[in-house]
Amino acid sequence: MIRPRAVIPSHANEVATTGGIVTAGSRTARFIDLLSSGAPPLHDVRDDVRDSLVPRRKIKIPVYTPRSGVTMEFDSHAGCRAGCR
């Protein structure tokens, strides 16, 4: 599986933003909500019955919405350094 540090959603065939703001109710908005609420860890294998007693933490993945004419710059850890909101 892929474990992205950050994502830039593509919103083809849908008006996903208006004035640089994500349109409420769009597929892009739903995608952002799903990632912002936290994804389960990649390895959710429980080796022992005791593992079922330990809560698994969710991983929050930053989402950067692309905007026309704006160049975004990222560092090697997927942290946005310029052009992101």
Protein backbone atom coordinates (compact mmCIF):
# COMPACT_ATOMS: atom_id res chain seq x y z
CA MET A 1 0.00 0.00 0.00
CA ILE A 2 0.99 3.59 -0.50
CA ARG A 3 1.44 5.73 2.60
CA PRO A 4 1.47 9.34 1.37
CA ARG A 5 2.84 12.10 3.56
CA ALA A 6 0.49 14.59 1.86
CA VAL A 7 -1.91 14.64 -1.08
CA ILE A 8 -2.92 17.09 -3.80
CA PRO A 9 -6.34 15.96 -5.04
CA SER A 10 -7.15 16.17 -8.73
CA HIS A 11 -10.68 17.29 -9.37
CA ALA A 12 -11.35 16.46 -13.01
CA ASN A 13 -14.96 16.44 -14.22
CA GLU A 14 -16.15 18.45 -11.23
CA VAL A 15 -16.19 22.06 -10.12
CA ALA A 16 -14.35 21.39 -6.88
CA THR A 17 -13.32 24.93 -5.99
CA THR A 18 -14.81 28.40 -6.26
CA GLY A 19 -12.42 31.29 -5.79
CA GLY A 20 -9.80 28.93 -4.39
CA ILE A 21 -12.18 27.52 -1.74
CA VAL A 22 -13.31 23.87 -1.88
CA THR A 23 -16.99 23.61 -2.83
CA ALA A 24 -19.08 22.09 -0.04
CA GLY A 25 -20.64 18.77 -1.02
CA SER A 26 -18.16 18.06 -3.82
CA ARG A 27 -16.29 14.77 -4.14
CA THR A 28 -13.10 16.67 -3.37
CA ALA A 29 -14.63 18.01 -0.14
CA ARG A 30 -15.64 14.47 0.87
CA PHE A 31 -12.13 13.19 0.08
CA ILE A 32 -10.60 15.93 2.24
CA ASP A 33 -13.02 15.13 5.09
CA LEU A 34 -12.09 11.45 4.98
CA LEU A 35 -8.35 12.16 5.14
CA SER A 36 -8.67 14.91 7.74
CA SER A 37 -10.60 12.67 10.12
CA GLY A 38 -7.68 10.26 10.13
CA ALA A 39 -6.86 7.11 8.23
CA PRO A 40 -6.20 3.82 9.97
CA PRO A 41 -2.53 2.84 10.18
CA LEU A 42 -1.20 0.78 7.28
CA HIS A 43 -0.24 -2.19 9.43
CA ASP A 44 -3.29 -3.10 11.47
CA VAL A 45 -2.11 -6.65 12.09
CA ARG A 46 -2.71 -7.86 15.60
CA ASP A 47 -0.03 -10.36 16.57
CA ASP A 48 -1.37 -11.09 20.01
CA VAL A 49 -4.70 -10.94 21.82
CA ARG A 50 -3.20 -8.13 23.93
CA ASP A 51 -2.91 -6.01 20.77
CA SER A 52 -6.70 -5.86 20.56
CA LEU A 53 -6.75 -4.00 23.88
CA VAL A 54 -4.48 -1.22 22.60
CA PRO A 55 -6.29 1.48 20.63
CA ARG A 56 -4.84 2.19 17.20
CA ARG A 57 -4.07 5.82 16.48
CA LYS A 58 -5.29 7.32 13.25
CA ILE A 59 -2.93 9.07 10.88
CA LYS A 60 -3.98 12.50 9.62
CA ILE A 61 -2.82 13.22 6.09
CA PRO A 62 -2.50 16.87 4.99
CA VAL A 63 -4.43 17.76 1.84
CA TYR A 64 -3.34 20.67 -0.37
CA THR A 65 -5.93 21.94 -2.85
CA PRO A 66 -4.45 22.96 -6.21
CA ARG A 67 -5.24 26.46 -7.48
CA SER A 68 -4.88 27.77 -11.01
CA GLY A 69 -1.71 29.77 -11.57
CA VAL A 70 -0.27 29.04 -8.12
CA THR A 71 2.93 27.01 -7.75
CA MET A 72 3.24 25.03 -4.54
CA GLU A 73 6.64 24.11 -3.12
CA PHE A 74 7.29 21.23 -0.71
CA ASP A 75 10.26 20.03 1.33
CA SER A 76 11.47 16.42 1.50
CA HIS A 77 8.98 15.66 4.31
CA ALA A 78 5.93 16.83 2.29
CA GLY A 79 5.71 20.05 4.27
CA CYS A 80 4.47 22.94 2.17
CA ARG A 81 6.97 25.80 1.99
CA ALA A 82 5.22 28.14 -0.47
CA GLY A 83 1.92 28.54 -2.31
CA CYS A 84 -0.32 26.59 0.08
CA ARG A 85 -3.27 27.75 2.13
